[in-house]
N, C-alpha and C. Protein backbone atom coordinates (compact mmCIF):
# COMPACT_ATOMS: atom_id res chain seq x y z
N MET A 1 -65.24 46.61 0.46
CA MET A 1 -65.50 47.62 -0.63
C MET A 1 -66.91 47.28 -1.17
N LYS A 2 -67.90 48.03 -0.77
CA LYS A 2 -69.44 47.68 -1.35
C LYS A 2 -69.85 48.41 -2.82
N THR A 3 -70.15 47.27 -3.50
CA THR A 3 -70.43 47.73 -4.89
C THR A 3 -71.99 47.15 -5.22
N GLY A 4 -72.65 46.75 -4.18
CA GLY A 4 -73.81 46.27 -4.62
C GLY A 4 -73.72 44.66 -4.98
N ASP A 5 -72.58 44.64 -5.87
CA ASP A 5 -72.42 43.14 -6.50
C ASP A 5 -72.05 42.06 -5.27
N GLU A 6 -72.59 41.07 -4.92
CA GLU A 6 -72.31 40.18 -3.55
C GLU A 6 -70.90 39.53 -4.05
N THR A 7 -70.53 39.39 -5.27
CA THR A 7 -69.40 38.70 -5.62
C THR A 7 -68.35 39.58 -5.98
N ALA A 8 -68.61 41.01 -5.69
CA ALA A 8 -67.43 41.89 -5.85
C ALA A 8 -66.06 41.67 -5.24
N TRP A 9 -66.29 40.85 -4.00
CA TRP A 9 -64.90 40.90 -3.01
C TRP A 9 -63.96 39.86 -4.17
N LEU A 10 -64.59 38.95 -4.55
CA LEU A 10 -63.75 37.54 -5.19
C LEU A 10 -62.51 38.18 -6.24
N PRO A 11 -62.96 38.91 -7.21
CA PRO A 11 -61.51 39.46 -7.91
C PRO A 11 -60.41 40.14 -6.85
N GLU A 12 -61.10 41.12 -5.99
CA GLU A 12 -60.37 41.58 -5.14
C GLU A 12 -59.57 40.86 -4.22
N TYR A 13 -60.16 39.74 -3.85
CA TYR A 13 -59.44 38.84 -2.74
C TYR A 13 -58.50 37.90 -3.55
N TRP A 14 -58.63 37.49 -4.96
CA TRP A 14 -57.92 37.05 -5.79
C TRP A 14 -56.60 37.86 -6.10
N THR A 15 -57.15 38.98 -6.19
CA THR A 15 -55.90 40.09 -6.55
C THR A 15 -54.97 40.05 -5.15
N PHE A 16 -55.60 40.21 -4.07
CA PHE A 16 -54.91 40.14 -2.93
C PHE A 16 -53.92 38.91 -2.75
N VAL A 17 -54.54 37.83 -3.13
CA VAL A 17 -53.82 36.53 -2.85
C VAL A 17 -52.47 36.69 -3.86
N GLU A 18 -52.66 37.07 -5.27
CA GLU A 18 -51.64 37.10 -6.20
C GLU A 18 -50.47 38.01 -5.73
N ALA A 19 -51.07 39.37 -5.09
CA ALA A 19 -50.23 40.18 -4.66
C ALA A 19 -49.28 39.78 -3.43
N ALA A 20 -49.89 38.93 -2.45
CA ALA A 20 -49.26 38.37 -1.39
C ALA A 20 -48.31 37.39 -1.90
N GLN A 21 -48.68 36.35 -2.88
CA GLN A 21 -47.93 35.60 -3.56
C GLN A 21 -46.57 36.10 -3.88
N GLU A 22 -46.59 37.32 -4.74
CA GLU A 22 -45.59 37.95 -5.11
C GLU A 22 -44.64 38.40 -4.22
N ARG A 23 -45.27 39.36 -3.32
CA ARG A 23 -44.33 39.78 -2.09
C ARG A 23 -43.73 38.88 -1.25
N MET A 24 -44.25 37.80 -1.28
CA MET A 24 -43.74 36.27 -0.15
C MET A 24 -42.55 35.91 -1.12
N GLN A 25 -42.65 35.94 -2.44
CA GLN A 25 -41.78 35.21 -3.12
C GLN A 25 -40.41 36.12 -3.28
N GLN A 26 -40.69 37.38 -3.20
CA GLN A 26 -39.54 38.53 -3.15
C GLN A 26 -38.78 38.00 -1.71
N GLU A 27 -39.79 38.58 -0.69
CA GLU A 27 -38.95 38.24 0.70
C GLU A 27 -38.49 36.91 1.11
N PHE A 28 -39.20 35.78 0.61
CA PHE A 28 -38.84 34.24 0.97
C PHE A 28 -38.72 33.74 -0.10
N PRO A 29 -37.90 33.67 -1.05
CA PRO A 29 -37.79 32.91 -2.21
C PRO A 29 -37.69 31.31 -1.96
N GLU A 30 -37.35 31.03 -0.86
CA GLU A 30 -37.28 29.52 -0.43
C GLU A 30 -38.77 29.05 0.24
N ALA A 31 -40.07 29.83 0.26
CA ALA A 31 -41.23 29.82 0.78
C ALA A 31 -41.82 28.73 -0.16
N ASP A 32 -42.70 27.81 0.62
CA ASP A 32 -43.54 26.94 0.04
C ASP A 32 -45.10 27.77 -0.51
N LEU A 33 -44.82 28.35 -1.71
CA LEU A 33 -46.28 29.22 -1.98
C LEU A 33 -47.47 28.77 -2.48
N GLU A 34 -47.20 27.05 -2.85
CA GLU A 34 -48.33 26.45 -3.04
C GLU A 34 -49.04 26.00 -2.10
N ALA A 35 -48.41 25.86 -0.86
CA ALA A 35 -49.05 25.55 0.37
C ALA A 35 -49.35 26.52 1.04
N ASN A 36 -48.97 27.83 0.98
CA ASN A 36 -49.33 29.12 1.62
C ASN A 36 -50.83 29.48 0.57
N ARG A 37 -50.93 29.20 -0.61
CA ARG A 37 -51.94 29.40 -1.26
C ARG A 37 -53.01 28.60 -1.05
N LEU A 38 -52.96 27.23 -0.88
CA LEU A 38 -53.75 26.28 -0.31
C LEU A 38 -54.63 26.58 1.13
N MET A 39 -53.74 27.13 1.94
CA MET A 39 -53.96 27.55 3.15
C MET A 39 -54.90 28.71 3.25
N MET A 40 -54.38 29.85 2.62
CA MET A 40 -55.14 31.07 2.18
C MET A 40 -56.30 30.68 1.76
N SER A 41 -56.61 30.19 0.82
CA SER A 41 -57.80 29.62 0.17
C SER A 41 -58.67 29.00 0.84
N LEU A 42 -58.20 28.04 1.59
CA LEU A 42 -59.04 26.78 2.59
C LEU A 42 -59.51 27.88 3.85
N ASN A 43 -58.52 28.82 4.22
CA ASN A 43 -59.33 29.76 5.30
C ASN A 43 -60.24 30.55 4.89
N ARG A 44 -60.15 31.08 3.67
CA ARG A 44 -61.17 31.95 3.07
C ARG A 44 -62.55 31.22 2.83
N ALA A 45 -62.12 30.19 2.04
CA ALA A 45 -63.65 29.39 1.84
C ALA A 45 -64.11 28.96 3.29
N SER A 46 -63.39 28.59 4.37
CA SER A 46 -64.01 28.06 5.51
C SER A 46 -64.88 29.29 5.99
N SER A 47 -64.07 30.53 5.99
CA SER A 47 -64.88 31.52 6.76
C SER A 47 -66.05 32.07 6.07
N THR A 48 -65.96 32.01 4.53
CA THR A 48 -67.01 32.65 3.79
C THR A 48 -68.24 31.69 4.16
N VAL A 49 -68.04 30.27 3.82
CA VAL A 49 -69.17 29.37 3.93
C VAL A 49 -69.84 29.47 5.59
N THR A 50 -68.74 29.75 6.60
CA THR A 50 -69.58 29.76 7.96
C THR A 50 -70.10 31.11 8.05
N TYR A 51 -69.69 32.28 7.38
CA TYR A 51 -70.72 33.64 7.45
C TYR A 51 -71.87 33.46 6.70
N ASP A 52 -71.78 32.78 5.53
CA ASP A 52 -73.04 32.61 4.86
C ASP A 52 -73.88 31.56 5.70
N PHE A 53 -73.83 30.73 6.42
CA PHE A 53 -74.72 29.82 6.91
C PHE A 53 -75.08 30.98 8.38
N GLU A 54 -74.33 31.25 8.81
CA GLU A 54 -74.75 32.30 9.93
C GLU A 54 -75.98 33.25 9.56
N ALA A 55 -75.40 34.10 8.50
CA ALA A 55 -75.96 35.13 8.00
C ALA A 55 -77.37 34.76 7.31
N SER A 56 -77.36 33.80 6.65
CA SER A 56 -78.58 33.13 5.92
C SER A 56 -79.48 32.27 6.54
N ILE A 57 -79.05 31.62 7.52
CA ILE A 57 -79.83 30.57 8.28
C ILE A 57 -79.94 30.77 9.69
N HIS A 58 -78.68 30.60 10.45
CA HIS A 58 -78.75 31.05 11.58
C HIS A 58 -79.47 32.13 12.52
N ARG A 59 -78.73 33.34 11.94
CA ARG A 59 -79.20 34.57 12.47
C ARG A 59 -80.78 34.79 12.39
N PRO A 60 -81.34 34.78 10.97
CA PRO A 60 -82.53 34.85 10.93
C PRO A 60 -83.44 33.93 11.74
N ALA A 61 -82.84 32.89 12.26
CA ALA A 61 -83.53 31.75 12.99
C ALA A 61 -83.39 32.19 14.54
N GLY A 62 -82.81 33.28 14.95
CA GLY A 62 -82.64 33.75 16.11
C GLY A 62 -81.44 32.81 16.84
N SER A 63 -80.54 32.40 15.93
CA SER A 63 -79.37 31.61 16.54
C SER A 63 -78.26 31.94 16.12
N THR A 64 -77.22 31.27 16.22
CA THR A 64 -75.80 31.62 15.79
C THR A 64 -75.38 30.33 15.16
N TRP A 65 -74.08 30.19 14.63
CA TRP A 65 -73.32 28.86 13.96
C TRP A 65 -72.65 28.29 15.16
N SER A 66 -72.17 29.10 16.28
CA SER A 66 -71.92 28.09 17.31
C SER A 66 -73.14 27.21 18.44
N GLY A 67 -73.84 28.10 18.07
CA GLY A 67 -75.07 27.64 18.80
C GLY A 67 -75.62 26.24 18.08
N PHE A 68 -76.01 26.46 16.77
CA PHE A 68 -75.95 25.23 16.08
C PHE A 68 -75.15 24.17 16.01
N ARG A 69 -73.81 24.50 16.17
CA ARG A 69 -72.90 23.49 16.29
C ARG A 69 -73.13 22.75 17.63
N LEU A 70 -73.33 23.29 18.85
CA LEU A 70 -73.61 22.79 19.98
C LEU A 70 -74.74 22.08 19.89
N LEU A 71 -75.64 22.49 19.45
CA LEU A 71 -77.08 21.73 19.44
C LEU A 71 -76.91 20.52 18.54
N LEU A 72 -76.08 20.60 17.47
CA LEU A 72 -76.03 19.38 16.55
C LEU A 72 -75.48 18.25 17.09
N ALA A 73 -74.45 18.75 18.11
CA ALA A 73 -73.58 17.69 18.57
C ALA A 73 -74.41 17.09 19.68
N LEU A 74 -75.29 17.70 20.61
CA LEU A 74 -76.07 16.96 21.43
C LEU A 74 -77.15 16.11 20.87
N TRP A 75 -77.62 16.51 19.61
CA TRP A 75 -78.69 15.83 18.83
C TRP A 75 -78.18 14.61 18.28
N VAL A 76 -76.54 14.57 17.93
CA VAL A 76 -76.01 13.59 17.06
C VAL A 76 -75.75 12.15 18.37
N CYS A 77 -75.13 13.07 19.33
CA CYS A 77 -74.37 12.01 20.36
C CYS A 77 -75.45 11.68 21.86
N GLY A 78 -76.67 12.67 21.86
CA GLY A 78 -77.15 12.56 22.83
C GLY A 78 -76.40 13.31 24.17
N PRO A 79 -76.69 13.03 25.31
CA PRO A 79 -76.25 14.01 26.49
C PRO A 79 -74.91 13.74 26.53
N LEU A 80 -74.19 15.01 26.82
CA LEU A 80 -72.35 15.02 26.97
C LEU A 80 -72.27 16.03 27.88
N ASN A 81 -71.01 15.77 28.36
CA ASN A 81 -70.76 16.81 29.54
C ASN A 81 -70.00 18.08 28.73
N PRO A 82 -69.88 19.21 29.25
CA PRO A 82 -69.55 20.30 28.72
C PRO A 82 -68.21 20.04 27.86
N ARG A 83 -67.07 19.34 28.42
CA ARG A 83 -65.89 18.92 28.03
C ARG A 83 -66.00 18.09 26.53
N GLU A 84 -66.91 17.11 26.84
CA GLU A 84 -67.03 16.25 25.59
C GLU A 84 -67.66 17.22 24.33
N VAL A 85 -68.54 18.18 24.62
CA VAL A 85 -69.16 19.15 23.99
C VAL A 85 -68.10 20.13 23.13
N ALA A 86 -67.25 20.35 24.11
CA ALA A 86 -66.16 21.24 23.63
C ALA A 86 -65.32 20.38 22.36
N VAL A 87 -64.81 19.19 22.68
CA VAL A 87 -64.10 18.27 21.91
C VAL A 87 -64.85 18.35 20.50
N LYS A 88 -65.96 17.82 20.69
CA LYS A 88 -67.00 17.55 19.45
C LYS A 88 -67.08 18.74 18.43
N THR A 89 -67.28 19.91 18.96
CA THR A 89 -67.59 21.08 18.27
C THR A 89 -66.29 21.97 17.95
N GLY A 90 -65.11 21.96 18.65
CA GLY A 90 -63.80 22.57 18.50
C GLY A 90 -63.92 23.81 19.22
N MET A 91 -65.04 23.87 20.27
CA MET A 91 -65.06 25.11 20.76
C MET A 91 -64.22 25.10 22.06
N SER A 92 -63.80 26.05 22.71
CA SER A 92 -63.36 26.16 23.87
C SER A 92 -64.24 25.84 24.90
N ARG A 93 -63.80 25.42 26.18
CA ARG A 93 -64.69 24.97 27.22
C ARG A 93 -65.55 26.24 27.87
N ALA A 94 -64.55 27.46 27.79
CA ALA A 94 -65.34 28.56 28.39
C ALA A 94 -66.45 29.01 27.37
N ALA A 95 -66.24 29.01 26.00
CA ALA A 95 -67.14 29.11 24.81
C ALA A 95 -68.42 28.47 25.09
N VAL A 96 -68.28 27.05 25.56
CA VAL A 96 -69.23 25.94 25.69
C VAL A 96 -70.08 26.46 26.57
N SER A 97 -69.43 26.94 27.86
CA SER A 97 -70.07 27.37 29.06
C SER A 97 -71.09 28.49 28.80
N SER A 98 -70.49 29.31 28.05
CA SER A 98 -71.42 30.65 27.73
C SER A 98 -72.35 30.35 27.09
N LEU A 99 -72.16 29.70 26.06
CA LEU A 99 -73.28 29.29 25.24
C LEU A 99 -74.18 28.47 25.53
N VAL A 100 -73.89 27.80 26.44
CA VAL A 100 -75.16 26.63 27.25
C VAL A 100 -75.92 27.76 28.23
N ASN A 101 -75.34 28.56 28.85
CA ASN A 101 -76.25 29.74 29.42
C ASN A 101 -77.33 30.20 28.51
N THR A 102 -77.02 30.52 27.46
CA THR A 102 -77.70 31.21 26.61
C THR A 102 -78.86 30.46 25.93
N LEU A 103 -78.31 28.92 25.58
CA LEU A 103 -79.48 28.10 24.91
C LEU A 103 -80.03 27.50 26.13
N GLU A 104 -79.71 27.48 27.24
CA GLU A 104 -80.48 27.17 28.58
C GLU A 104 -81.53 28.27 28.48
N GLY A 105 -81.13 29.32 28.70
CA GLY A 105 -82.01 30.30 28.94
C GLY A 105 -83.27 30.48 28.00
N ARG A 106 -83.04 29.99 26.45
CA ARG A 106 -84.10 29.86 25.53
C ARG A 106 -84.64 28.63 25.62
N GLY A 107 -84.51 27.68 26.54
CA GLY A 107 -85.19 26.56 26.71
C GLY A 107 -84.94 25.52 25.56
N LEU A 108 -83.40 25.38 25.13
CA LEU A 108 -83.08 24.61 24.08
C LEU A 108 -82.25 23.49 24.75
N VAL A 109 -81.54 23.73 25.73
CA VAL A 109 -80.65 22.90 26.73
C VAL A 109 -81.01 22.63 28.03
N VAL A 110 -80.82 21.58 28.76
CA VAL A 110 -81.04 21.45 30.16
C VAL A 110 -79.48 20.90 30.58
N ARG A 111 -79.28 21.31 31.83
CA ARG A 111 -78.21 21.10 32.27
C ARG A 111 -78.64 20.02 33.62
N THR A 112 -77.99 18.75 33.49
CA THR A 112 -78.39 17.86 34.65
C THR A 112 -77.22 17.52 35.66
N PRO A 113 -77.14 18.02 36.80
CA PRO A 113 -76.20 17.61 37.73
C PRO A 113 -75.78 16.08 37.56
N SER A 114 -74.43 15.79 37.76
CA SER A 114 -74.19 14.01 37.89
C SER A 114 -74.48 13.77 39.30
N ARG A 115 -74.85 12.44 39.21
CA ARG A 115 -75.18 11.96 40.57
C ARG A 115 -74.05 11.68 41.39
N SER A 116 -72.83 11.27 41.03
CA SER A 116 -71.79 10.97 41.39
C SER A 116 -70.84 11.94 41.64
N ASP A 117 -70.84 13.29 41.05
CA ASP A 117 -69.98 14.39 41.34
C ASP A 117 -70.96 15.79 41.08
N ARG A 118 -71.27 16.19 42.03
CA ARG A 118 -72.11 17.54 41.83
C ARG A 118 -71.55 18.69 41.15
N ARG A 119 -70.23 18.56 40.83
CA ARG A 119 -69.51 19.52 40.13
C ARG A 119 -69.67 19.32 38.72
N GLN A 120 -69.99 18.19 38.28
CA GLN A 120 -70.10 17.95 36.88
C GLN A 120 -71.70 18.19 36.20
N VAL A 121 -71.82 18.40 35.14
CA VAL A 121 -73.14 18.22 34.63
C VAL A 121 -73.15 17.55 33.29
N SER A 122 -74.40 16.99 32.98
CA SER A 122 -74.45 16.64 31.74
C SER A 122 -75.38 17.65 31.03
N LEU A 123 -75.50 17.81 29.80
CA LEU A 123 -76.01 18.39 28.88
C LEU A 123 -77.07 17.98 27.62
N ALA A 124 -78.19 18.20 28.10
CA ALA A 124 -79.12 17.53 26.68
C ALA A 124 -79.91 18.37 26.24
N LEU A 125 -80.47 18.07 25.08
CA LEU A 125 -81.68 18.88 24.48
C LEU A 125 -83.03 18.89 24.79
N THR A 126 -83.52 20.02 24.95
CA THR A 126 -84.83 19.79 25.31
C THR A 126 -85.92 19.35 23.94
N GLU A 127 -87.05 19.16 24.36
CA GLU A 127 -87.75 18.76 23.17
C GLU A 127 -87.67 20.00 22.12
N GLU A 128 -87.84 21.19 22.56
CA GLU A 128 -88.03 22.31 21.63
C GLU A 128 -86.60 22.33 21.14
N GLY A 129 -85.43 22.09 21.77
CA GLY A 129 -83.99 22.14 21.26
C GLY A 129 -83.91 21.01 19.82
N VAL A 130 -84.68 19.85 20.21
CA VAL A 130 -84.58 18.90 18.95
C VAL A 130 -85.34 19.54 17.87
N GLN A 131 -86.55 20.08 17.99
CA GLN A 131 -87.17 20.90 17.08
C GLN A 131 -86.31 21.91 16.04
N VAL A 132 -85.48 22.68 16.98
CA VAL A 132 -84.89 23.70 16.36
C VAL A 132 -83.82 23.01 15.76
N VAL A 133 -82.84 22.20 16.27
CA VAL A 133 -81.85 21.73 15.45
C VAL A 133 -82.15 20.75 14.21
N ARG A 134 -83.41 20.13 14.15
CA ARG A 134 -83.93 19.38 13.27
C ARG A 134 -84.29 20.41 12.09
N ARG A 135 -85.02 21.57 12.24
CA ARG A 135 -85.40 22.78 11.48
C ARG A 135 -84.09 23.27 10.90
N ASP A 136 -83.12 23.67 11.75
CA ASP A 136 -81.87 24.40 11.30
C ASP A 136 -80.97 23.67 10.19
N PHE A 137 -81.07 22.16 10.73
CA PHE A 137 -80.38 21.31 9.85
C PHE A 137 -80.69 21.38 8.44
N GLN A 138 -81.97 21.10 8.47
CA GLN A 138 -83.04 21.10 7.06
C GLN A 138 -82.19 22.41 6.38
N ALA A 139 -82.71 23.60 7.10
CA ALA A 139 -82.24 24.63 6.18
C ALA A 139 -80.80 24.77 5.59
N GLN A 140 -79.80 24.37 6.66
CA GLN A 140 -78.31 24.39 6.42
C GLN A 140 -78.08 23.41 5.49
N ASN A 141 -78.75 22.18 5.45
CA ASN A 141 -78.19 21.31 4.28
C ASN A 141 -78.76 21.66 3.02
N GLU A 142 -79.77 22.31 2.64
CA GLU A 142 -80.26 22.81 1.78
C GLU A 142 -79.18 23.90 0.99
N ARG A 143 -78.55 24.54 1.79
CA ARG A 143 -77.43 25.65 1.53
C ARG A 143 -76.33 24.76 1.27
N GLU A 144 -76.16 23.86 2.16
CA GLU A 144 -74.88 23.17 1.73
C GLU A 144 -74.82 22.59 0.22
N SER A 145 -75.98 22.05 -0.11
CA SER A 145 -76.08 21.43 -1.60
C SER A 145 -75.90 22.53 -2.51
N GLU A 146 -76.37 23.69 -2.17
CA GLU A 146 -76.15 24.73 -3.11
C GLU A 146 -74.87 25.22 -3.31
N TRP A 147 -74.02 25.29 -2.43
CA TRP A 147 -72.54 25.51 -2.35
C TRP A 147 -72.03 24.27 -3.31
N ALA A 148 -72.40 23.08 -2.64
CA ALA A 148 -71.83 21.93 -3.37
C ALA A 148 -72.07 21.91 -5.04
N GLN A 149 -73.08 22.21 -5.44
CA GLN A 149 -73.41 22.49 -7.03
C GLN A 149 -72.33 22.89 -7.74
N ALA A 150 -71.47 23.51 -7.31
CA ALA A 150 -70.08 24.23 -7.87
C ALA A 150 -69.41 23.09 -8.46
N LEU A 151 -69.45 21.85 -7.86
CA LEU A 151 -68.60 20.89 -8.14
C LEU A 151 -69.27 19.63 -8.65
N GLU A 152 -68.52 18.88 -9.59
CA GLU A 152 -69.51 17.60 -10.04
C GLU A 152 -69.47 16.54 -8.67
N PRO A 153 -70.51 15.75 -8.49
CA PRO A 153 -70.37 14.83 -7.52
C PRO A 153 -69.43 14.06 -6.84
N SER A 154 -68.63 13.73 -7.94
CA SER A 154 -67.25 12.81 -7.96
C SER A 154 -66.37 14.14 -7.20
N GLU A 155 -66.26 15.35 -7.70
CA GLU A 155 -65.31 16.19 -6.98
C GLU A 155 -65.58 16.59 -5.46
N VAL A 156 -67.05 16.51 -5.02
CA VAL A 156 -67.26 16.81 -3.64
C VAL A 156 -66.71 15.65 -2.95
N ALA A 157 -66.83 14.52 -3.52
CA ALA A 157 -66.27 13.14 -2.62
C ALA A 157 -64.92 13.24 -2.63
N VAL A 158 -64.04 13.67 -3.38
CA VAL A 158 -62.61 13.79 -3.74
C VAL A 158 -62.13 14.98 -2.80
N LEU A 159 -62.84 16.27 -2.86
CA LEU A 159 -62.61 17.39 -1.88
C LEU A 159 -62.74 16.90 -0.33
N ALA A 160 -63.73 16.33 -0.18
CA ALA A 160 -64.04 15.63 1.28
C ALA A 160 -63.02 14.85 1.88
N ARG A 161 -62.61 13.87 0.87
CA ARG A 161 -61.34 13.04 1.27
C ARG A 161 -60.26 13.67 1.41
N LEU A 162 -59.88 14.50 0.61
CA LEU A 162 -58.68 15.37 0.93
C LEU A 162 -58.71 16.17 2.03
N LEU A 163 -59.67 16.79 2.45
CA LEU A 163 -59.85 17.57 3.58
C LEU A 163 -59.66 16.91 4.93
N GLU A 164 -60.35 15.60 4.83
CA GLU A 164 -60.11 14.53 5.82
C GLU A 164 -58.57 14.09 5.97
N LYS A 165 -58.13 13.84 4.82
CA LYS A 165 -56.75 13.54 4.86
C LYS A 165 -55.88 14.72 5.55
N LEU A 166 -55.94 16.06 5.15
CA LEU A 166 -55.34 16.95 5.57
C LEU A 166 -55.76 17.07 6.99
N MET A 167 -56.69 17.13 7.43
CA MET A 167 -56.92 16.83 9.01
C MET A 167 -56.26 15.74 9.71
N GLN A 168 -56.11 14.57 9.22
CA GLN A 168 -55.40 13.10 9.68
C GLN A 168 -54.10 13.67 9.82
N HIS A 169 -53.40 14.33 8.76
CA HIS A 169 -52.08 14.62 8.53
C HIS A 169 -51.77 15.45 9.70
N ARG A 170 -52.22 16.32 10.31
CA ARG A 170 -51.86 17.21 11.28
C ARG A 170 -50.95 16.59 12.46
N THR A 171 -51.49 15.33 12.78
CA THR A 171 -50.79 14.82 14.05
C THR A 171 -49.52 14.27 13.48
N SER A 172 -48.99 14.12 12.56
CA SER A 172 -47.46 13.48 12.22
C SER A 172 -46.52 14.81 12.33
N PHE A 173 -47.20 16.09 12.29
CA PHE A 173 -46.11 17.23 12.66
C PHE A 173 -46.44 17.93 13.90
N GLY A 174 -47.43 17.55 14.63
CA GLY A 174 -47.83 18.26 15.77
C GLY A 174 -48.90 19.40 15.63
N GLY A 175 -49.61 19.17 14.57
CA GLY A 175 -50.43 20.40 14.21
C GLY A 175 -51.49 20.34 15.11
N ARG A 176 -51.94 21.52 15.42
CA ARG A 176 -52.92 22.02 16.83
C ARG A 176 -54.14 21.95 16.34
N ALA A 177 -55.27 21.29 17.28
CA ALA A 177 -56.53 21.26 17.12
C ALA A 177 -57.05 21.70 18.28
N ARG A 178 -58.22 22.45 18.45
CA ARG A 178 -58.96 22.67 19.78
C ARG A 178 -59.59 21.41 20.22
N HIS A 179 -59.23 20.83 21.39
CA HIS A 179 -59.83 19.66 21.80
C HIS A 179 -60.60 19.95 23.29
């Protein structure tokens, strides 16, 4: 629904959540609706923030959210093989391979064949890649700060710890993550 108001989806989304919760309660009275609301909210928040970063920072700079994540992994860790990049970014190996082709074509990433196994490659940033990831990180971090201003500093720390705790807990019940 386009109303010209960028926040118009908020009431509509929360109305949907309330309707979903009522329907679920009727159909599944034993359902853990608090857990459901938590996951619906977490998923929506994550996709909204990701979209915002991509639309306000990465696309205008000629990149993508996925491209930034790959460049950031190489910037933080140094040269990695494609499997390691996939693990660090949470992307599939196929997505990494396709993205590397694009980033290599833009002169941001270079592939170096392994000396011991010609089938293996190492991925590294070019000097231009370093400049791009540094520029994009600064812009994204400013945006991250704008998002975080909705919370008190202590709330930011608590929320980060709670999300980390949630992610650590996934192994106790076999929760899956892309590796």
